[in-house]
Amino acid sequence: MSAILGKKLGMTQIFREDGEVVPVTVIEAGPCPVTAIRREDRDGYSAIQLAFDEVKESKLSKAELGHLAKADAAPMRVLVEFRDAEISPAEGEEGDAEVKLGQSVTVESFEEGQKVKVAGITIGKGFQGTVKRHNFGRGPVSHGSHNVRAPGSIGASAWPARVFKGMRLPGQIGGKRRSQLGLTVAGIDAEKNLLLIKGSVPGAKNSILEIRTDG
């Protein structure tokens, strides 16, 4: 499984040679240095930690700076571990070379047409009613009815004399981690570190995304 971190820049469209118009999400992905390697015998699981989104040193604690310094990495805001990730060998090394601290992961570890899954924090939409949150139908709007967007009855009074858990009621929407599966890499720009994913992905503009190969 190849993996990388990126920032969602927005959406656009590209044109194929046959004239097909493909809507794509543009992601600035990497380069991401390897900042930690978890091993089964030492840590109880195997994973590779990647860093992304360079910031000023003043934005990080001494402990965070010390952790990144071990991998000779610049101060970076986001650290994510990917389990069962396969990182391409560094330039000049053989294909079976072991992953090393400080090794950089780029968009070149992906291929056009490859299936990927993208995880991110969805756009928050605040506190919403049942019509928008659960697609409820509205009430009558004639003869002075005040039940236009109200949820209606939610339980009896004598028994159970309470509201059951799990009722579809008004509440907060969005702002949660979601993964979109079955996406396709529509294009790669290695010079600008851009990854073009066909269709939309979770998250607002400038949000951090986790991209993994799917399957």
C-alpha atoms as a PDB file:
ATOM      1  CA  MET A   1       0.000   0.000   0.000  1.00  0.00           C
ATOM      2  CA  SER A   2       1.436   3.355  -1.073  1.00  0.00           C
ATOM      3  CA  ALA A   3       0.530   6.342   1.106  1.00  0.00           C
ATOM      4  CA  ILE A   4       1.080  10.092   1.230  1.00  0.00           C
ATOM      5  CA  LEU A   5      -0.264  13.239   2.898  1.00  0.00           C
ATOM      6  CA  GLY A   6      -1.588  16.230   0.999  1.00  0.00           C
ATOM      7  CA  LYS A   7      -3.532  19.474   1.050  1.00  0.00           C
ATOM      8  CA  LYS A   8      -6.752  19.936  -0.905  1.00  0.00           C
ATOM      9  CA  LEU A   9      -6.393  22.914  -3.244  1.00  0.00           C
ATOM     10  CA  GLY A  10      -9.795  22.732  -4.935  1.00  0.00           C
ATOM     11  CA  MET A  11     -11.515  21.267  -7.992  1.00  0.00           C
ATOM     12  CA  THR A  12     -11.116  21.784 -11.709  1.00  0.00           C
ATOM     13  CA  GLN A  13     -11.495  19.764 -14.903  1.00  0.00           C
ATOM     14  CA  ILE A  14      -9.135  18.216 -17.421  1.00  0.00           C
ATOM     15  CA  PHE A  15      -9.690  17.202 -21.029  1.00  0.00           C
ATOM     16  CA  ARG A  16      -8.679  13.805 -22.385  1.00  0.00           C
ATOM     17  CA  GLU A  17      -7.304  13.336 -25.893  1.00  0.00           C
ATOM     18  CA  ASP A  18     -10.678  11.980 -27.023  1.00  0.00           C
ATOM     19  CA  GLY A  19     -12.441  15.141 -25.761  1.00  0.00           C
ATOM     20  CA  GLU A  20     -13.800  13.628 -22.535  1.00  0.00           C
ATOM     21  CA  VAL A  21     -14.128  16.162 -19.701  1.00  0.00           C
ATOM     22  CA  VAL A  22     -13.016  14.761 -16.319  1.00  0.00           C
ATOM     23  CA  PRO A  23     -13.787  16.626 -13.061  1.00  0.00           C
ATOM     24  CA  VAL A  24     -10.810  16.338 -10.704  1.00  0.00           C
ATOM     25  CA  THR A  25      -9.737  17.377  -7.225  1.00  0.00           C
ATOM     26  CA  VAL A  26      -6.271  18.950  -7.112  1.00  0.00           C
ATOM     27  CA  ILE A  27      -4.195  17.849  -4.115  1.00  0.00           C
ATOM     28  CA  GLU A  28      -0.748  19.186  -3.216  1.00  0.00           C
ATOM     29  CA  ALA A  29       0.748  15.908  -1.988  1.00  0.00           C
ATOM     30  CA  GLY A  30       4.157  15.704  -0.336  1.00  0.00           C
ATOM     31  CA  PRO A  31       7.039  15.575  -0.319  1.00  0.00           C
ATOM     32  CA  CYS A  32       6.596  13.801   3.010  1.00  0.00           C
ATOM     33  CA  PRO A  33       9.699  12.720   4.987  1.00  0.00           C
ATOM     34  CA  VAL A  34       9.601   9.454   6.929  1.00  0.00           C
ATOM     35  CA  THR A  35       9.844  10.585  10.565  1.00  0.00           C
ATOM     36  CA  ALA A  36       9.365   7.257  12.378  1.00  0.00           C
ATOM     37  CA  ILE A  37       9.293   3.546  11.646  1.00  0.00           C
ATOM     38  CA  ARG A  38       7.228   1.242  13.875  1.00  0.00           C
ATOM     39  CA  ARG A  39       8.263  -2.400  14.007  1.00  0.00           C
ATOM     40  CA  GLU A  40       6.299  -5.469  15.077  1.00  0.00           C
ATOM     41  CA  ASP A  41       8.967  -6.786  17.455  1.00  0.00           C
ATOM     42  CA  ARG A  42       9.530  -3.434  19.169  1.00  0.00           C
ATOM     43  CA  ASP A  43       6.237  -1.527  18.995  1.00  0.00           C
ATOM     44  CA  GLY A  44       3.708  -4.340  18.587  1.00  0.00           C
ATOM     45  CA  TYR A  45       2.702  -3.225  15.085  1.00  0.00           C
ATOM     46  CA  SER A  46       4.349  -2.154  11.842  1.00  0.00           C
ATOM     47  CA  ALA A  47       3.772   1.322  10.433  1.00  0.00           C
ATOM     48  CA  ILE A  48       5.512   4.255   8.794  1.00  0.00           C
ATOM     49  CA  GLN A  49       5.036   7.801  10.071  1.00  0.00           C
ATOM     50  CA  LEU A  50       4.978  10.619   7.522  1.00  0.00           C
ATOM     51  CA  ALA A  51       5.167  14.384   8.119  1.00  0.00           C
ATOM     52  CA  PHE A  52       3.605  17.201   6.107  1.00  0.00           C
ATOM     53  CA  ASP A  53       2.844  20.945   6.076  1.00  0.00           C
ATOM     54  CA  GLU A  54       6.013  22.861   6.971  1.00  0.00           C
ATOM     55  CA  VAL A  55       5.628  25.599   9.621  1.00  0.00           C
ATOM     56  CA  LYS A  56       7.800  27.928  11.699  1.00  0.00           C
ATOM     57  CA  GLU A  57       9.772  26.385  14.548  1.00  0.00           C
ATOM     58  CA  SER A  58       7.901  28.611  17.011  1.00  0.00           C
ATOM     59  CA  LYS A  59       4.679  26.762  16.145  1.00  0.00           C
ATOM     60  CA  LEU A  60       5.994  23.461  17.552  1.00  0.00           C
ATOM     61  CA  SER A  61       7.085  22.296  20.987  1.00  0.00           C
ATOM     62  CA  LYS A  62      10.671  21.281  21.800  1.00  0.00           C
ATOM     63  CA  ALA A  63       9.585  17.637  21.934  1.00  0.00           C
ATOM     64  CA  GLU A  64       8.056  17.842  18.455  1.00  0.00           C
ATOM     65  CA  LEU A  65      11.140  19.593  17.065  1.00  0.00           C
ATOM     66  CA  GLY A  66      13.401  16.974  18.634  1.00  0.00           C
ATOM     67  CA  HIS A  67      11.353  14.151  17.133  1.00  0.00           C
ATOM     68  CA  LEU A  68      11.587  15.673  13.645  1.00  0.00           C
ATOM     69  CA  ALA A  69      15.301  16.421  14.061  1.00  0.00           C
ATOM     70  CA  LYS A  70      16.019  12.687  14.413  1.00  0.00           C
ATOM     71  CA  ALA A  71      14.900  12.295  10.808  1.00  0.00           C
ATOM     72  CA  ASP A  72      16.587  15.542   9.654  1.00  0.00           C
ATOM     73  CA  ALA A  73      13.113  16.826   8.747  1.00  0.00           C
ATOM     74  CA  ALA A  74      12.003  20.454   8.679  1.00  0.00           C
ATOM     75  CA  PRO A  75       9.417  21.622  11.252  1.00  0.00           C
ATOM     76  CA  MET A  76       6.108  20.151  10.107  1.00  0.00           C
ATOM     77  CA  ARG A  77       2.651  20.429  11.593  1.00  0.00           C
ATOM     78  CA  VAL A  78       1.049  17.097  10.649  1.00  0.00           C
ATOM     79  CA  LEU A  79       2.283  13.615  11.601  1.00  0.00           C
ATOM     80  CA  VAL A  80       0.340  10.528  10.496  1.00  0.00           C
ATOM     81  CA  GLU A  81       1.121   6.828  10.777  1.00  0.00           C
ATOM     82  CA  PHE A  82       0.232   4.475   7.934  1.00  0.00           C
ATOM     83  CA  ARG A  83       0.090   0.779   8.719  1.00  0.00           C
ATOM     84  CA  ASP A  84       1.259  -1.745   6.098  1.00  0.00           C
ATOM     85  CA  ALA A  85       2.554   1.082   3.908  1.00  0.00           C
ATOM     86  CA  GLU A  86       5.094   0.373   1.179  1.00  0.00           C
ATOM     87  CA  ILE A  87       7.483   3.223   0.432  1.00  0.00           C
ATOM     88  CA  SER A  88       9.425   3.358  -2.808  1.00  0.00           C
ATOM     89  CA  PRO A  89      13.222   3.160  -2.344  1.00  0.00           C
ATOM     90  CA  ALA A  90      15.252   6.344  -2.387  1.00  0.00           C
ATOM     91  CA  GLU A  91      16.940   7.436  -5.581  1.00  0.00           C
ATOM     92  CA  GLY A  92      19.979   5.334  -6.400  1.00  0.00           C
ATOM     93  CA  GLU A  93      18.887   2.415  -4.195  1.00  0.00           C
ATOM     94  CA  GLU A  94      17.635  -0.995  -5.213  1.00  0.00           C
ATOM     95  CA  GLY A  95      13.948  -1.920  -5.245  1.00  0.00           C
ATOM     96  CA  ASP A  96      14.135  -4.020  -2.077  1.00  0.00           C
ATOM     97  CA  ALA A  97      16.031  -1.401  -0.079  1.00  0.00           C
ATOM     98  CA  GLU A  98      14.758  -0.924   3.462  1.00  0.00           C
ATOM     99  CA  VAL A  99      12.832   2.231   4.334  1.00  0.00           C
ATOM    100  CA  LYS A 100      14.990   4.733   6.195  1.00  0.00           C
ATOM    101  CA  LEU A 101      14.342   7.732   8.442  1.00  0.00           C
ATOM    102  CA  GLY A 102      14.322  10.979   6.492  1.00  0.00           C
ATOM    103  CA  GLN A 103      13.480   9.281   3.203  1.00  0.00           C
ATOM    104  CA  SER A 104      11.126  11.468   1.167  1.00  0.00           C
ATOM    105  CA  VAL A 105       7.810  10.225  -0.203  1.00  0.00           C
ATOM    106  CA  THR A 106       6.485  11.965  -3.329  1.00  0.00           C
ATOM    107  CA  VAL A 107       3.562  11.668  -5.729  1.00  0.00           C
ATOM    108  CA  GLU A 108       5.755   9.491  -7.945  1.00  0.00           C
ATOM    109  CA  SER A 109       4.844   6.545  -5.697  1.00  0.00           C
ATOM    110  CA  PHE A 110       1.395   6.647  -7.375  1.00  0.00           C
ATOM    111  CA  GLU A 111       0.430   5.895 -10.961  1.00  0.00           C
ATOM    112  CA  GLU A 112      -2.226   7.312 -13.270  1.00  0.00           C
ATOM    113  CA  GLY A 113      -5.309   5.085 -13.317  1.00  0.00           C
ATOM    114  CA  GLN A 114      -4.516   3.636  -9.875  1.00  0.00           C
ATOM    115  CA  LYS A 115      -7.361   3.160  -7.381  1.00  0.00           C
ATOM    116  CA  VAL A 116      -6.987   5.141  -4.149  1.00  0.00           C
ATOM    117  CA  LYS A 117      -8.952   6.002  -1.026  1.00  0.00           C
ATOM    118  CA  VAL A 118      -8.845   9.485   0.510  1.00  0.00           C
ATOM    119  CA  ALA A 119      -9.566  10.309   4.152  1.00  0.00           C
ATOM    120  CA  GLY A 120     -10.210  13.774   5.575  1.00  0.00           C
ATOM    121  CA  ILE A 121     -12.385  15.906   7.846  1.00  0.00           C
ATOM    122  CA  THR A 122     -15.654  16.760   6.103  1.00  0.00           C
ATOM    123  CA  ILE A 123     -16.921  20.324   5.777  1.00  0.00           C
ATOM    124  CA  GLY A 124     -18.736  21.365   8.960  1.00  0.00           C
ATOM    125  CA  LYS A 125     -22.305  22.609   8.393  1.00  0.00           C
ATOM    126  CA  GLY A 126     -23.227  23.488  11.967  1.00  0.00           C
ATOM    127  CA  PHE A 127     -26.456  22.677  13.815  1.00  0.00           C
ATOM    128  CA  GLN A 128     -29.212  21.748  11.341  1.00  0.00           C
ATOM    129  CA  GLY A 129     -32.820  20.600  11.493  1.00  0.00           C
ATOM    130  CA  THR A 130     -34.245  17.249  10.485  1.00  0.00           C
ATOM    131  CA  VAL A 131     -35.171  18.335   6.946  1.00  0.00           C
ATOM    132  CA  LYS A 132     -31.550  19.042   6.018  1.00  0.00           C
ATOM    133  CA  ARG A 133     -29.903  16.509   8.332  1.00  0.00           C
ATOM    134  CA  HIS A 134     -32.133  13.465   7.707  1.00  0.00           C
ATOM    135  CA  ASN A 135     -34.068  14.461   4.553  1.00  0.00           C
ATOM    136  CA  PHE A 136     -37.415  14.628   6.398  1.00  0.00           C
ATOM    137  CA  GLY A 137     -40.478  15.837   4.499  1.00  0.00           C
ATOM    138  CA  ARG A 138     -42.087  19.079   5.593  1.00  0.00           C
ATOM    139  CA  GLY A 139     -45.508  19.459   7.207  1.00  0.00           C
ATOM    140  CA  PRO A 140     -48.572  21.161   5.716  1.00  0.00           C
ATOM    141  CA  VAL A 141     -48.270  24.853   4.937  1.00  0.00           C
ATOM    142  CA  SER A 142     -51.953  25.715   4.471  1.00  0.00           C
ATOM    143  CA  HIS A 143     -54.704  26.809   6.901  1.00  0.00           C
ATOM    144  CA  GLY A 144     -52.344  28.451   9.346  1.00  0.00           C
ATOM    145  CA  SER A 145     -50.254  25.363  10.074  1.00  0.00           C
ATOM    146  CA  HIS A 146     -47.100  26.039  12.088  1.00  0.00           C
ATOM    147  CA  ASN A 147     -45.666  22.579  11.363  1.00  0.00           C
ATOM    148  CA  VAL A 148     -43.645  23.494   8.276  1.00  0.00           C
ATOM    149  CA  ARG A 149     -40.210  22.087   9.126  1.00  0.00           C
ATOM    150  CA  ALA A 150     -40.897  20.569  12.550  1.00  0.00           C
ATOM    151  CA  PRO A 151     -39.862  16.925  13.149  1.00  0.00           C
ATOM    152  CA  GLY A 152     -43.272  15.841  14.473  1.00  0.00           C
ATOM    153  CA  SER A 153     -44.003  13.430  17.326  1.00  0.00           C
ATOM    154  CA  ILE A 154     -40.980  11.671  18.855  1.00  0.00           C
ATOM    155  CA  GLY A 155     -42.655   9.433  21.461  1.00  0.00           C
ATOM    156  CA  ALA A 156     -45.585   8.819  23.816  1.00  0.00           C
ATOM    157  CA  SER A 157     -46.061  10.568  27.176  1.00  0.00           C
ATOM    158  CA  ALA A 158     -47.184   7.916  29.684  1.00  0.00           C
ATOM    159  CA  TRP A 159     -44.776   5.280  28.399  1.00  0.00           C
ATOM    160  CA  PRO A 160     -41.844   5.336  28.012  1.00  0.00           C
ATOM    161  CA  ALA A 161     -42.022   8.952  29.263  1.00  0.00           C
ATOM    162  CA  ARG A 162     -38.691   9.676  27.613  1.00  0.00           C
ATOM    163  CA  VAL A 163     -37.080   9.893  24.191  1.00  0.00           C
ATOM    164  CA  PHE A 164     -35.386   6.715  22.940  1.00  0.00           C
ATOM    165  CA  LYS A 165     -31.715   6.924  22.050  1.00  0.00           C
ATOM    166  CA  GLY A 166     -30.918   6.934  18.346  1.00  0.00           C
ATOM    167  CA  MET A 167     -33.899   9.053  17.267  1.00  0.00           C
ATOM    168  CA  ARG A 168     -33.303  11.085  14.120  1.00  0.00           C
ATOM    169  CA  LEU A 169     -33.367  14.604  15.531  1.00  0.00           C
ATOM    170  CA  PRO A 170     -31.735  17.978  14.819  1.00  0.00           C
ATOM    171  CA  GLY A 171     -28.000  18.150  15.430  1.00  0.00           C
ATOM    172  CA  GLN A 172     -24.553  19.031  14.155  1.00  0.00           C
ATOM    173  CA  ILE A 173     -23.578  17.998  10.613  1.00  0.00           C
ATOM    174  CA  GLY A 174     -20.109  17.514   9.184  1.00  0.00           C
ATOM    175  CA  GLY A 175     -16.744  18.100  10.781  1.00  0.00           C
ATOM    176  CA  LYS A 176     -16.114  14.345  11.035  1.00  0.00           C
ATOM    177  CA  ARG A 177     -13.468  12.074   9.596  1.00  0.00           C
ATOM    178  CA  ARG A 178     -14.649  10.253   6.486  1.00  0.00           C
ATOM    179  CA  SER A 179     -12.949   8.034   3.890  1.00  0.00           C
ATOM    180  CA  GLN A 180     -13.915   8.010   0.222  1.00  0.00           C
ATOM    181  CA  LEU A 181     -13.189   4.677  -1.436  1.00  0.00           C
ATOM    182  CA  GLY A 182     -12.805   3.654  -5.063  1.00  0.00           C
ATOM    183  CA  LEU A 183     -11.344   6.903  -6.375  1.00  0.00           C
ATOM    184  CA  THR A 184      -9.042   7.000  -9.396  1.00  0.00           C
ATOM    185  CA  VAL A 185      -5.813   8.913  -9.980  1.00  0.00           C
ATOM    186  CA  ALA A 186      -6.547  11.027 -13.063  1.00  0.00           C
ATOM    187  CA  GLY A 187      -3.119  12.635 -13.354  1.00  0.00           C
ATOM    188  CA  ILE A 188       0.210  13.358 -11.657  1.00  0.00           C
ATOM    189  CA  ASP A 189       2.446  16.437 -11.831  1.00  0.00           C
ATOM    190  CA  ALA A 190       5.704  15.427 -10.142  1.00  0.00           C
ATOM    191  CA  GLU A 191       7.357  18.843 -10.664  1.00  0.00           C
ATOM    192  CA  LYS A 192       4.625  20.685  -8.751  1.00  0.00           C
ATOM    193  CA  ASN A 193       3.839  17.787  -6.345  1.00  0.00           C
ATOM    194  CA  LEU A 194       0.230  17.670  -7.556  1.00  0.00           C
ATOM    195  CA  LEU A 195      -2.071  14.668  -7.486  1.00  0.00           C
ATOM    196  CA  LEU A 196      -5.288  14.829  -9.541  1.00  0.00           C
ATOM    197  CA  ILE A 197      -8.080  12.619  -8.212  1.00  0.00           C
ATOM    198  CA  LYS A 198     -11.172  12.009 -10.346  1.00  0.00           C
ATOM    199  CA  GLY A 199     -14.292  13.342  -8.600  1.00  0.00           C
ATOM    200  CA  SER A 200     -14.660  14.963  -5.198  1.00  0.00           C
ATOM    201  CA  VAL A 201     -12.957  14.051  -1.917  1.00  0.00           C
ATOM    202  CA  PRO A 202     -13.857  14.789   1.737  1.00  0.00           C
ATOM    203  CA  GLY A 203     -12.755  18.093   3.239  1.00  0.00           C
ATOM    204  CA  ALA A 204     -12.743  21.814   2.651  1.00  0.00           C
ATOM    205  CA  LYS A 205     -10.115  23.740   0.704  1.00  0.00           C
ATOM    206  CA  ASN A 206      -6.671  23.702   2.360  1.00  0.00           C
ATOM    207  CA  SER A 207      -7.642  20.768   4.580  1.00  0.00           C
ATOM    208  CA  ILE A 208      -5.196  17.912   5.168  1.00  0.00           C
ATOM    209  CA  LEU A 209      -5.899  14.623   3.406  1.00  0.00           C
ATOM    210  CA  GLU A 210      -4.549  11.086   3.716  1.00  0.00           C
ATOM    211  CA  ILE A 211      -4.196   9.271   0.396  1.00  0.00           C
ATOM    212  CA  ARG A 212      -3.711   5.491   0.234  1.00  0.00           C
ATOM    213  CA  THR A 213      -3.877   2.958  -2.556  1.00  0.00           C
ATOM    214  CA  ASP A 214      -7.173   1.060  -2.475  1.00  0.00           C
ATOM    215  CA  GLY A 215      -6.915  -2.686  -2.786  1.00  0.00           C
END
